[in-house]
N, C-alpha and C. Protein backbone atom coordinates (compact mmCIF):
# COMPACT_ATOMS: atom_id res chain seq x y z
N MET A 1 -6.29 4.17 -6.21
CA MET A 1 -7.11 3.97 -5.02
C MET A 1 -6.72 2.62 -4.42
N GLU A 2 -6.45 2.58 -3.11
CA GLU A 2 -6.01 1.32 -2.53
C GLU A 2 -6.56 1.14 -1.12
N VAL A 3 -6.48 -0.10 -0.65
CA VAL A 3 -6.72 -0.42 0.75
C VAL A 3 -5.59 -1.35 1.18
N LYS A 4 -5.31 -1.36 2.48
CA LYS A 4 -4.18 -2.14 2.99
C LYS A 4 -4.59 -2.86 4.26
N TYR A 5 -4.11 -4.11 4.41
CA TYR A 5 -4.44 -4.93 5.58
C TYR A 5 -3.18 -5.56 6.16
N ALA A 6 -3.04 -5.51 7.47
CA ALA A 6 -1.99 -6.25 8.16
C ALA A 6 -2.45 -7.69 8.31
N LEU A 7 -1.52 -8.63 8.13
CA LEU A 7 -1.86 -10.05 8.13
C LEU A 7 -1.13 -10.79 9.24
N SER A 8 -1.80 -11.76 9.84
CA SER A 8 -1.13 -12.63 10.79
C SER A 8 -0.61 -13.88 10.10
N ASP A 9 -1.18 -14.22 8.92
CA ASP A 9 -0.79 -15.43 8.20
C ASP A 9 -0.86 -15.17 6.70
N ALA A 10 0.27 -14.78 6.13
CA ALA A 10 0.30 -14.47 4.70
C ALA A 10 0.01 -15.70 3.85
N GLN A 11 0.42 -16.87 4.32
CA GLN A 11 0.20 -18.09 3.55
C GLN A 11 -1.29 -18.38 3.39
N ALA A 12 -2.07 -18.05 4.42
CA ALA A 12 -3.52 -18.25 4.34
C ALA A 12 -4.12 -17.40 3.23
N VAL A 13 -3.56 -16.23 3.01
CA VAL A 13 -4.04 -15.37 1.93
C VAL A 13 -3.72 -15.99 0.58
N ALA A 14 -2.49 -16.51 0.45
CA ALA A 14 -2.10 -17.16 -0.80
C ALA A 14 -3.01 -18.34 -1.10
N VAL A 15 -3.39 -19.09 -0.06
CA VAL A 15 -4.30 -20.22 -0.24
C VAL A 15 -5.68 -19.72 -0.68
N ALA A 16 -6.17 -18.66 -0.03
CA ALA A 16 -7.48 -18.10 -0.40
C ALA A 16 -7.47 -17.62 -1.84
N PHE A 17 -6.37 -17.02 -2.28
CA PHE A 17 -6.26 -16.59 -3.67
C PHE A 17 -6.30 -17.79 -4.61
N ALA A 18 -5.55 -18.83 -4.27
CA ALA A 18 -5.51 -20.02 -5.12
C ALA A 18 -6.89 -20.62 -5.28
N GLU A 19 -7.68 -20.60 -4.21
CA GLU A 19 -9.04 -21.14 -4.28
C GLU A 19 -9.92 -20.32 -5.21
N ARG A 20 -9.57 -19.05 -5.42
CA ARG A 20 -10.30 -18.18 -6.35
C ARG A 20 -9.70 -18.22 -7.76
N GLY A 21 -8.64 -19.00 -7.94
CA GLY A 21 -7.99 -19.04 -9.24
C GLY A 21 -7.07 -17.86 -9.48
N ILE A 22 -6.69 -17.16 -8.41
CA ILE A 22 -5.79 -16.02 -8.52
C ILE A 22 -4.36 -16.50 -8.37
N VAL A 23 -3.53 -16.23 -9.36
CA VAL A 23 -2.14 -16.68 -9.36
C VAL A 23 -1.23 -15.52 -8.98
N LEU A 24 -0.37 -15.75 -8.00
CA LEU A 24 0.59 -14.74 -7.59
C LEU A 24 1.95 -15.01 -8.24
N ASP A 25 2.59 -13.94 -8.67
CA ASP A 25 3.95 -14.06 -9.21
C ASP A 25 4.93 -14.41 -8.09
N GLY A 26 6.13 -14.80 -8.47
CA GLY A 26 7.16 -15.05 -7.48
C GLY A 26 7.57 -13.77 -6.77
N PRO A 27 8.18 -13.89 -5.59
CA PRO A 27 8.55 -12.70 -4.82
C PRO A 27 9.61 -11.85 -5.51
N VAL A 28 9.45 -10.54 -5.41
CA VAL A 28 10.39 -9.56 -5.96
C VAL A 28 10.74 -8.59 -4.84
N PHE A 29 12.04 -8.28 -4.69
CA PHE A 29 12.46 -7.34 -3.65
C PHE A 29 12.37 -5.92 -4.17
N GLN A 30 11.72 -5.05 -3.38
CA GLN A 30 11.61 -3.63 -3.72
C GLN A 30 12.30 -2.80 -2.65
N ASP A 31 13.17 -1.91 -3.08
CA ASP A 31 13.91 -1.03 -2.18
C ASP A 31 13.44 0.39 -2.43
N ASP A 32 12.65 0.94 -1.51
CA ASP A 32 12.03 2.25 -1.68
C ASP A 32 12.64 3.28 -0.73
N GLN A 33 12.88 4.46 -1.24
CA GLN A 33 13.21 5.61 -0.40
C GLN A 33 12.11 6.63 -0.54
N ALA A 34 11.50 7.00 0.60
CA ALA A 34 10.42 7.97 0.60
C ALA A 34 10.96 9.36 0.89
N PHE A 35 10.30 10.37 0.30
CA PHE A 35 10.67 11.77 0.50
C PHE A 35 9.42 12.57 0.81
N ALA A 36 9.59 13.59 1.65
CA ALA A 36 8.50 14.52 1.97
C ALA A 36 9.03 15.94 1.83
N PRO A 37 8.14 16.91 1.62
CA PRO A 37 8.61 18.30 1.53
C PRO A 37 9.32 18.72 2.82
N VAL A 38 10.38 19.49 2.69
CA VAL A 38 11.06 20.03 3.87
C VAL A 38 10.04 20.81 4.70
N GLY A 39 10.01 20.53 5.99
CA GLY A 39 9.05 21.20 6.88
C GLY A 39 7.86 20.34 7.23
N TRP A 40 7.58 19.30 6.39
CA TRP A 40 6.50 18.37 6.71
C TRP A 40 7.02 17.33 7.69
N SER A 41 6.18 16.91 8.67
CA SER A 41 6.59 15.91 9.65
C SER A 41 5.52 14.84 9.75
N PHE A 42 5.92 13.61 10.10
CA PHE A 42 4.96 12.55 10.35
C PHE A 42 4.01 13.01 11.46
N GLY A 43 2.73 12.81 11.22
CA GLY A 43 1.69 13.33 12.12
C GLY A 43 0.97 14.51 11.51
N ASP A 44 1.65 15.23 10.59
CA ASP A 44 0.98 16.31 9.86
C ASP A 44 0.02 15.70 8.84
N SER A 45 -0.95 16.47 8.40
CA SER A 45 -1.87 16.00 7.36
C SER A 45 -1.10 15.73 6.07
N LYS A 46 -1.51 14.66 5.37
CA LYS A 46 -0.93 14.33 4.07
C LYS A 46 -1.77 14.84 2.91
N LEU A 47 -3.00 15.24 3.20
CA LEU A 47 -3.92 15.60 2.12
C LEU A 47 -3.41 16.81 1.34
N GLY A 48 -3.36 16.67 0.02
CA GLY A 48 -2.93 17.75 -0.85
C GLY A 48 -1.44 17.96 -0.89
N VAL A 49 -0.67 17.12 -0.19
CA VAL A 49 0.79 17.25 -0.16
C VAL A 49 1.39 16.25 -1.15
N SER A 50 2.35 16.68 -1.94
CA SER A 50 3.00 15.79 -2.89
C SER A 50 4.20 15.10 -2.23
N PHE A 51 4.17 13.76 -2.22
CA PHE A 51 5.27 12.96 -1.68
C PHE A 51 5.96 12.24 -2.83
N LEU A 52 7.26 12.04 -2.69
CA LEU A 52 8.05 11.42 -3.74
C LEU A 52 8.63 10.10 -3.27
N ARG A 53 8.95 9.24 -4.25
CA ARG A 53 9.53 7.93 -3.93
C ARG A 53 10.50 7.52 -5.02
N LEU A 54 11.62 6.95 -4.61
CA LEU A 54 12.53 6.29 -5.52
C LEU A 54 12.51 4.80 -5.21
N ARG A 55 12.29 3.99 -6.23
CA ARG A 55 12.17 2.52 -6.04
C ARG A 55 13.17 1.82 -6.96
N THR A 56 13.83 0.81 -6.43
CA THR A 56 14.71 -0.03 -7.22
C THR A 56 14.23 -1.47 -7.17
N VAL A 57 14.08 -2.07 -8.35
CA VAL A 57 13.67 -3.47 -8.48
C VAL A 57 14.55 -4.11 -9.54
N ASN A 58 15.29 -5.12 -9.13
CA ASN A 58 16.15 -5.86 -10.08
C ASN A 58 17.04 -4.93 -10.90
N GLY A 59 17.62 -3.94 -10.23
CA GLY A 59 18.56 -3.05 -10.90
C GLY A 59 17.95 -1.93 -11.71
N ARG A 60 16.63 -1.85 -11.77
CA ARG A 60 15.96 -0.76 -12.47
C ARG A 60 15.32 0.17 -11.45
N HIS A 61 15.21 1.46 -11.81
CA HIS A 61 14.80 2.48 -10.86
C HIS A 61 13.57 3.24 -11.36
N TRP A 62 12.67 3.55 -10.43
CA TRP A 62 11.46 4.30 -10.76
C TRP A 62 11.31 5.47 -9.80
N PHE A 63 10.86 6.58 -10.36
CA PHE A 63 10.55 7.79 -9.60
C PHE A 63 9.04 7.96 -9.61
N ALA A 64 8.44 8.21 -8.44
CA ALA A 64 6.99 8.37 -8.37
C ALA A 64 6.63 9.57 -7.51
N LEU A 65 5.53 10.21 -7.89
CA LEU A 65 4.91 11.26 -7.08
C LEU A 65 3.51 10.79 -6.71
N LYS A 66 3.18 10.91 -5.40
CA LYS A 66 1.84 10.60 -4.93
C LYS A 66 1.31 11.79 -4.14
N GLN A 67 0.07 12.17 -4.45
CA GLN A 67 -0.57 13.27 -3.72
C GLN A 67 -1.92 12.79 -3.18
N PRO A 68 -2.02 12.56 -1.87
CA PRO A 68 -3.29 12.11 -1.28
C PRO A 68 -4.40 13.13 -1.51
N VAL A 69 -5.59 12.60 -1.80
CA VAL A 69 -6.74 13.46 -2.09
C VAL A 69 -7.77 13.36 -0.95
N ALA A 70 -8.61 12.32 -0.96
CA ALA A 70 -9.63 12.18 0.08
C ALA A 70 -9.05 11.59 1.36
N ASN A 71 -8.04 10.71 1.21
CA ASN A 71 -7.36 10.12 2.36
C ASN A 71 -5.99 9.65 1.89
N ALA A 72 -5.20 9.11 2.82
CA ALA A 72 -3.80 8.79 2.50
C ALA A 72 -3.66 7.69 1.46
N GLN A 73 -4.73 6.90 1.24
CA GLN A 73 -4.66 5.80 0.28
C GLN A 73 -5.49 6.08 -0.98
N ASP A 74 -5.87 7.32 -1.15
CA ASP A 74 -6.54 7.78 -2.37
C ASP A 74 -5.65 8.87 -2.96
N CYS A 75 -4.85 8.51 -3.95
CA CYS A 75 -3.81 9.43 -4.42
C CYS A 75 -3.84 9.67 -5.92
N LEU A 76 -3.52 10.91 -6.30
CA LEU A 76 -3.07 11.15 -7.66
C LEU A 76 -1.66 10.60 -7.73
N GLU A 77 -1.34 9.88 -8.81
CA GLU A 77 -0.04 9.22 -8.86
C GLU A 77 0.57 9.31 -10.26
N TYR A 78 1.85 9.63 -10.30
CA TYR A 78 2.62 9.66 -11.54
C TYR A 78 3.93 8.92 -11.31
N GLU A 79 4.33 8.10 -12.28
CA GLU A 79 5.54 7.30 -12.11
C GLU A 79 6.26 7.15 -13.45
N THR A 80 7.58 7.18 -13.39
CA THR A 80 8.37 6.98 -14.60
C THR A 80 9.70 6.34 -14.23
N GLU A 81 10.28 5.61 -15.17
CA GLU A 81 11.58 5.00 -14.92
C GLU A 81 12.69 6.04 -15.07
N VAL A 82 13.70 5.93 -14.22
CA VAL A 82 14.87 6.79 -14.31
C VAL A 82 16.12 5.92 -14.42
N LEU A 83 17.15 6.45 -15.05
CA LEU A 83 18.36 5.67 -15.29
C LEU A 83 19.30 5.65 -14.09
N ASP A 84 19.40 6.75 -13.36
CA ASP A 84 20.39 6.88 -12.30
C ASP A 84 19.70 7.28 -11.00
N ARG A 85 19.58 6.33 -10.08
CA ARG A 85 18.89 6.61 -8.82
C ARG A 85 19.64 7.66 -8.00
N GLY A 86 20.95 7.58 -7.96
CA GLY A 86 21.73 8.52 -7.17
C GLY A 86 21.54 9.95 -7.64
N GLN A 87 21.57 10.16 -8.96
CA GLN A 87 21.38 11.50 -9.51
C GLN A 87 19.96 12.00 -9.23
N MET A 88 18.97 11.11 -9.36
CA MET A 88 17.59 11.52 -9.09
C MET A 88 17.40 11.84 -7.62
N HIS A 89 18.05 11.09 -6.74
CA HIS A 89 17.98 11.36 -5.31
C HIS A 89 18.48 12.79 -5.02
N GLN A 90 19.62 13.16 -5.59
CA GLN A 90 20.16 14.50 -5.37
C GLN A 90 19.24 15.58 -5.94
N ALA A 91 18.65 15.29 -7.10
CA ALA A 91 17.72 16.25 -7.71
C ALA A 91 16.51 16.48 -6.81
N VAL A 92 15.99 15.39 -6.23
CA VAL A 92 14.83 15.49 -5.34
C VAL A 92 15.16 16.38 -4.14
N LEU A 93 16.35 16.22 -3.57
CA LEU A 93 16.75 17.05 -2.43
C LEU A 93 16.79 18.52 -2.82
N LEU A 94 17.26 18.81 -4.04
CA LEU A 94 17.33 20.20 -4.50
C LEU A 94 15.96 20.77 -4.83
N MET A 95 14.97 19.90 -5.02
CA MET A 95 13.59 20.35 -5.26
C MET A 95 12.90 20.80 -3.97
N GLY A 96 13.58 20.63 -2.82
CA GLY A 96 12.98 21.03 -1.55
C GLY A 96 12.37 19.88 -0.78
N TYR A 97 12.87 18.67 -1.04
CA TYR A 97 12.38 17.48 -0.33
C TYR A 97 13.48 16.91 0.55
N ALA A 98 13.06 16.17 1.58
CA ALA A 98 13.99 15.49 2.48
C ALA A 98 13.66 14.01 2.50
N ALA A 99 14.71 13.17 2.56
CA ALA A 99 14.49 11.73 2.68
C ALA A 99 13.90 11.44 4.05
N THR A 100 12.87 10.57 4.10
CA THR A 100 12.21 10.26 5.37
C THR A 100 12.57 8.84 5.82
N VAL A 101 11.98 7.82 5.21
CA VAL A 101 12.27 6.44 5.62
C VAL A 101 12.53 5.58 4.39
N ARG A 102 13.26 4.50 4.62
CA ARG A 102 13.46 3.48 3.60
C ARG A 102 12.46 2.36 3.88
N VAL A 103 11.78 1.93 2.84
CA VAL A 103 10.82 0.82 2.95
C VAL A 103 11.33 -0.31 2.08
N ALA A 104 11.74 -1.40 2.71
CA ALA A 104 12.25 -2.56 1.98
C ALA A 104 11.24 -3.69 2.14
N LYS A 105 10.86 -4.29 1.02
CA LYS A 105 9.84 -5.33 1.10
C LYS A 105 10.01 -6.36 0.00
N SER A 106 9.49 -7.55 0.29
CA SER A 106 9.37 -8.61 -0.70
C SER A 106 7.92 -8.63 -1.14
N ARG A 107 7.66 -8.56 -2.44
CA ARG A 107 6.30 -8.42 -2.95
C ARG A 107 5.96 -9.51 -3.95
N ARG A 108 4.78 -10.11 -3.77
CA ARG A 108 4.21 -11.01 -4.77
C ARG A 108 2.94 -10.34 -5.29
N THR A 109 2.75 -10.37 -6.61
CA THR A 109 1.63 -9.65 -7.20
C THR A 109 0.72 -10.59 -8.00
N GLY A 110 -0.53 -10.16 -8.13
CA GLY A 110 -1.51 -10.88 -8.93
C GLY A 110 -2.62 -9.93 -9.32
N ARG A 111 -3.61 -10.44 -10.05
CA ARG A 111 -4.74 -9.62 -10.46
C ARG A 111 -6.05 -10.38 -10.27
N HIS A 112 -7.07 -9.61 -9.96
CA HIS A 112 -8.44 -10.13 -9.92
C HIS A 112 -9.31 -9.11 -10.63
N GLY A 113 -9.62 -9.38 -11.90
CA GLY A 113 -10.35 -8.39 -12.69
C GLY A 113 -9.50 -7.14 -12.84
N ASP A 114 -10.06 -5.98 -12.43
CA ASP A 114 -9.33 -4.73 -12.53
C ASP A 114 -8.61 -4.35 -11.23
N ILE A 115 -8.51 -5.32 -10.31
CA ILE A 115 -7.85 -5.07 -9.03
C ILE A 115 -6.44 -5.64 -9.06
N SER A 116 -5.46 -4.83 -8.71
CA SER A 116 -4.09 -5.29 -8.53
C SER A 116 -3.92 -5.74 -7.08
N LEU A 117 -3.36 -6.93 -6.90
CA LEU A 117 -3.18 -7.51 -5.57
C LEU A 117 -1.70 -7.61 -5.25
N CYS A 118 -1.31 -7.21 -4.04
CA CYS A 118 0.08 -7.30 -3.62
C CYS A 118 0.14 -7.96 -2.25
N LEU A 119 0.90 -9.02 -2.15
CA LEU A 119 1.15 -9.68 -0.88
C LEU A 119 2.58 -9.33 -0.49
N ASP A 120 2.72 -8.52 0.56
CA ASP A 120 4.00 -7.91 0.91
C ASP A 120 4.52 -8.40 2.26
N GLU A 121 5.82 -8.56 2.35
CA GLU A 121 6.51 -8.76 3.62
C GLU A 121 7.44 -7.57 3.78
N VAL A 122 7.08 -6.67 4.70
CA VAL A 122 7.78 -5.40 4.86
C VAL A 122 8.76 -5.51 6.02
N GLU A 123 10.03 -5.23 5.76
CA GLU A 123 11.05 -5.35 6.80
C GLU A 123 10.72 -4.45 7.99
N GLY A 124 10.72 -5.04 9.18
CA GLY A 124 10.50 -4.30 10.40
C GLY A 124 9.04 -4.08 10.76
N VAL A 125 8.12 -4.46 9.87
CA VAL A 125 6.70 -4.20 10.11
C VAL A 125 5.85 -5.46 10.04
N GLY A 126 6.09 -6.32 9.02
CA GLY A 126 5.32 -7.55 8.92
C GLY A 126 4.68 -7.75 7.57
N ALA A 127 3.68 -8.64 7.53
CA ALA A 127 3.03 -9.02 6.28
C ALA A 127 1.78 -8.17 6.06
N PHE A 128 1.56 -7.82 4.79
CA PHE A 128 0.42 -6.98 4.44
C PHE A 128 -0.17 -7.43 3.10
N LEU A 129 -1.45 -7.17 2.96
CA LEU A 129 -2.16 -7.34 1.70
C LEU A 129 -2.58 -5.96 1.23
N GLU A 130 -2.22 -5.61 0.00
CA GLU A 130 -2.58 -4.32 -0.56
C GLU A 130 -3.36 -4.54 -1.84
N LEU A 131 -4.48 -3.86 -1.97
CA LEU A 131 -5.30 -3.93 -3.18
C LEU A 131 -5.38 -2.54 -3.79
N GLU A 132 -5.26 -2.46 -5.10
CA GLU A 132 -5.27 -1.17 -5.78
C GLU A 132 -6.10 -1.25 -7.05
N ARG A 133 -6.85 -0.19 -7.29
CA ARG A 133 -7.61 -0.06 -8.54
C ARG A 133 -7.38 1.33 -9.10
N LEU A 134 -7.06 1.41 -10.38
CA LEU A 134 -6.91 2.70 -11.04
C LEU A 134 -8.28 3.19 -11.47
N VAL A 135 -8.61 4.43 -11.08
CA VAL A 135 -9.93 4.99 -11.38
C VAL A 135 -9.77 6.44 -11.83
N PRO A 136 -10.79 7.01 -12.50
CA PRO A 136 -10.73 8.42 -12.86
C PRO A 136 -10.63 9.30 -11.61
N ASP A 137 -10.09 10.51 -11.79
CA ASP A 137 -9.87 11.40 -10.66
C ASP A 137 -11.15 11.74 -9.91
N ASP A 138 -12.29 11.74 -10.62
CA ASP A 138 -13.54 12.16 -9.98
C ASP A 138 -14.32 11.00 -9.37
N GLU A 139 -13.74 9.79 -9.36
CA GLU A 139 -14.42 8.63 -8.76
C GLU A 139 -14.40 8.77 -7.24
N PRO A 140 -15.57 8.57 -6.56
CA PRO A 140 -15.60 8.72 -5.09
C PRO A 140 -14.70 7.69 -4.41
N ALA A 141 -13.79 8.18 -3.56
CA ALA A 141 -12.84 7.29 -2.90
C ALA A 141 -13.54 6.30 -1.99
N ASP A 142 -14.51 6.77 -1.20
CA ASP A 142 -15.16 5.89 -0.21
C ASP A 142 -15.82 4.69 -0.88
N ALA A 143 -16.47 4.92 -2.02
CA ALA A 143 -17.19 3.84 -2.69
C ALA A 143 -16.22 2.80 -3.23
N VAL A 144 -15.15 3.25 -3.87
CA VAL A 144 -14.17 2.32 -4.44
C VAL A 144 -13.47 1.54 -3.33
N GLN A 145 -13.06 2.22 -2.28
CA GLN A 145 -12.36 1.54 -1.19
C GLN A 145 -13.29 0.57 -0.46
N ALA A 146 -14.58 0.89 -0.40
CA ALA A 146 -15.55 -0.03 0.21
C ALA A 146 -15.68 -1.31 -0.63
N GLU A 147 -15.65 -1.18 -1.94
CA GLU A 147 -15.71 -2.36 -2.81
C GLU A 147 -14.47 -3.24 -2.63
N LEU A 148 -13.30 -2.61 -2.53
CA LEU A 148 -12.07 -3.36 -2.32
C LEU A 148 -12.11 -4.07 -0.96
N ALA A 149 -12.63 -3.38 0.06
CA ALA A 149 -12.72 -3.98 1.39
C ALA A 149 -13.70 -5.15 1.40
N ALA A 150 -14.77 -5.03 0.62
CA ALA A 150 -15.75 -6.13 0.56
C ALA A 150 -15.13 -7.36 -0.07
N PHE A 151 -14.26 -7.18 -1.06
CA PHE A 151 -13.58 -8.32 -1.66
C PHE A 151 -12.69 -9.01 -0.64
N VAL A 152 -11.94 -8.23 0.13
CA VAL A 152 -11.08 -8.82 1.17
C VAL A 152 -11.92 -9.59 2.17
N ALA A 153 -13.05 -9.01 2.58
CA ALA A 153 -13.93 -9.69 3.54
C ALA A 153 -14.43 -11.02 2.99
N SER A 154 -14.67 -11.07 1.68
CA SER A 154 -15.19 -12.30 1.08
C SER A 154 -14.17 -13.43 1.06
N LEU A 155 -12.88 -13.10 1.28
CA LEU A 155 -11.84 -14.13 1.27
C LEU A 155 -11.86 -15.00 2.52
N GLY A 156 -12.47 -14.50 3.59
CA GLY A 156 -12.51 -15.27 4.83
C GLY A 156 -11.17 -15.38 5.53
N ILE A 157 -10.36 -14.34 5.46
CA ILE A 157 -9.03 -14.35 6.08
C ILE A 157 -9.03 -13.47 7.32
N ASP A 158 -8.03 -13.66 8.17
CA ASP A 158 -7.86 -12.83 9.34
C ASP A 158 -6.94 -11.68 8.97
N ALA A 159 -7.50 -10.48 8.90
CA ALA A 159 -6.73 -9.32 8.47
C ALA A 159 -7.25 -8.08 9.17
N VAL A 160 -6.35 -7.13 9.41
CA VAL A 160 -6.71 -5.88 10.08
C VAL A 160 -6.44 -4.73 9.12
N ARG A 161 -7.48 -4.01 8.77
CA ARG A 161 -7.30 -2.91 7.84
C ARG A 161 -6.61 -1.74 8.51
N THR A 162 -5.69 -1.11 7.79
CA THR A 162 -5.01 0.09 8.28
C THR A 162 -5.15 1.21 7.27
N SER A 163 -5.30 2.41 7.78
CA SER A 163 -5.40 3.58 6.90
C SER A 163 -4.02 4.19 6.65
N GLU A 164 -2.98 3.61 7.23
CA GLU A 164 -1.63 4.15 7.11
C GLU A 164 -0.93 3.67 5.84
N THR A 165 0.03 4.46 5.38
CA THR A 165 0.89 4.06 4.27
C THR A 165 2.12 3.36 4.84
N TYR A 166 2.87 2.67 3.97
CA TYR A 166 4.03 1.93 4.45
C TYR A 166 5.07 2.83 5.11
N ASP A 167 5.28 4.03 4.56
CA ASP A 167 6.29 4.89 5.17
C ASP A 167 5.91 5.28 6.59
N SER A 168 4.62 5.54 6.83
CA SER A 168 4.17 5.88 8.18
C SER A 168 4.27 4.69 9.11
N LEU A 169 3.95 3.50 8.62
CA LEU A 169 4.04 2.30 9.44
C LEU A 169 5.48 2.00 9.83
N VAL A 170 6.39 2.13 8.86
CA VAL A 170 7.81 1.89 9.14
C VAL A 170 8.33 2.93 10.13
N ARG A 171 7.97 4.19 9.93
CA ARG A 171 8.42 5.24 10.84
C ARG A 171 7.91 4.99 12.26
N ALA A 172 6.64 4.59 12.38
CA ALA A 172 6.07 4.31 13.70
C ALA A 172 6.78 3.14 14.37
N ALA A 173 7.12 2.12 13.58
CA ALA A 173 7.82 0.96 14.13
C ALA A 173 9.22 1.35 14.60
N GLN A 174 9.85 2.29 13.91
CA GLN A 174 11.19 2.74 14.29
C GLN A 174 11.16 3.63 15.53
N ASP A 175 10.07 4.39 15.68
CA ASP A 175 10.02 5.42 16.73
C ASP A 175 9.56 4.93 18.09
N GLY A 176 8.70 3.91 18.11
CA GLY A 176 8.12 3.59 19.41
C GLY A 176 7.75 2.15 19.55
N PRO A 177 6.81 1.88 20.49
CA PRO A 177 6.34 0.52 20.68
C PRO A 177 5.55 0.05 19.48
N ALA A 178 4.81 -1.01 19.64
CA ALA A 178 4.12 -1.65 18.52
C ALA A 178 3.27 -0.65 17.75
N VAL A 179 3.24 -0.81 16.44
CA VAL A 179 2.46 0.07 15.56
C VAL A 179 0.98 -0.16 15.79
N ALA A 180 0.26 0.93 16.00
CA ALA A 180 -1.20 0.83 16.12
C ALA A 180 -1.79 0.78 14.72
N LEU A 181 -2.73 -0.11 14.52
CA LEU A 181 -3.38 -0.23 13.22
C LEU A 181 -4.85 0.14 13.39
N PRO A 182 -5.18 1.44 13.28
CA PRO A 182 -6.52 1.91 13.57
C PRO A 182 -7.50 1.59 12.46
N ALA A 183 -8.11 0.44 12.55
CA ALA A 183 -9.09 0.08 11.54
C ALA A 183 -9.82 -1.17 11.97
N SER A 184 -10.49 -1.83 11.03
CA SER A 184 -11.35 -2.95 11.37
C SER A 184 -10.67 -4.28 11.08
N ARG A 185 -11.06 -5.30 11.83
CA ARG A 185 -10.54 -6.65 11.61
C ARG A 185 -11.51 -7.40 10.70
N VAL A 186 -10.95 -8.09 9.73
CA VAL A 186 -11.75 -8.90 8.82
C VAL A 186 -11.62 -10.34 9.27
N SER A 187 -12.74 -11.01 9.42
CA SER A 187 -12.72 -12.41 9.85
C SER A 187 -13.67 -13.21 8.98
N THR A 188 -13.75 -14.50 9.25
CA THR A 188 -14.66 -15.35 8.50
C THR A 188 -16.10 -14.89 8.67
N GLU A 189 -16.45 -14.48 9.90
CA GLU A 189 -17.82 -14.03 10.14
C GLU A 189 -18.13 -12.77 9.33
N SER A 190 -17.21 -11.80 9.34
CA SER A 190 -17.45 -10.58 8.57
C SER A 190 -17.45 -10.88 7.08
N ALA A 191 -16.70 -11.90 6.67
CA ALA A 191 -16.70 -12.29 5.26
C ALA A 191 -18.07 -12.79 4.86
N ARG A 192 -18.69 -13.60 5.73
CA ARG A 192 -20.04 -14.08 5.42
C ARG A 192 -21.02 -12.94 5.31
N ASN A 193 -20.89 -11.96 6.23
CA ASN A 193 -21.80 -10.81 6.21
C ASN A 193 -21.60 -9.98 4.95
N ALA A 194 -20.33 -9.77 4.57
CA ALA A 194 -20.05 -9.00 3.36
C ALA A 194 -20.57 -9.70 2.13
N ALA A 195 -20.37 -11.01 2.09
CA ALA A 195 -20.84 -11.78 0.93
C ALA A 195 -22.35 -11.72 0.81
N THR A 196 -23.02 -11.76 1.97
CA THR A 196 -24.49 -11.67 1.96
C THR A 196 -24.93 -10.32 1.45
N SER A 197 -24.25 -9.24 1.95
CA SER A 197 -24.61 -7.89 1.52
C SER A 197 -24.38 -7.73 0.03
N ALA A 198 -23.28 -8.27 -0.46
CA ALA A 198 -22.96 -8.14 -1.89
C ALA A 198 -24.01 -8.83 -2.74
N ALA A 199 -24.57 -9.93 -2.22
CA ALA A 199 -25.55 -10.68 -2.98
C ALA A 199 -26.87 -9.95 -3.03
N LEU A 200 -27.13 -9.08 -2.06
CA LEU A 200 -28.42 -8.36 -2.00
C LEU A 200 -28.40 -7.19 -2.87
């Protein structure tokens, strides 16, 4: 389960984390190739559809399957390391999938309790904050994502929440004018309101 925010100032987020005692690892480059079933197109519903990804980090490769459930950022997810990315790529194509977009990013990671934090710089799209929590399959997506959003609001940063995944954001940036980020803006004022609500 995750939430994602576009950032105007990634350094401000790093500072906010430091003030909370959250330590981020050094940046790591991730090279991702996304795949979708043949016949699926961007703009079609993602719910119940299995999407695949090949990721390379420091010469090691991972294969992942994600299937959105309640929304695009609430997914069943399975991941395993593979030895040969090229061979796995060809196997994925023979499974009836097509390569869609490449997502290249620099990622710094940290943790806050059971929340995984990622501060990303995505080529062609910009800076993002991604929060993820692993939960049982029957956990309500809205409630978990609301808790993650409340934590972001409490940081007092300028961020715009997006319901899109990185592959959709990259595709939109490649296809047309500026990417629309249909969601809410988090500001210092909303952070105060969220913090007050959390205290009640």
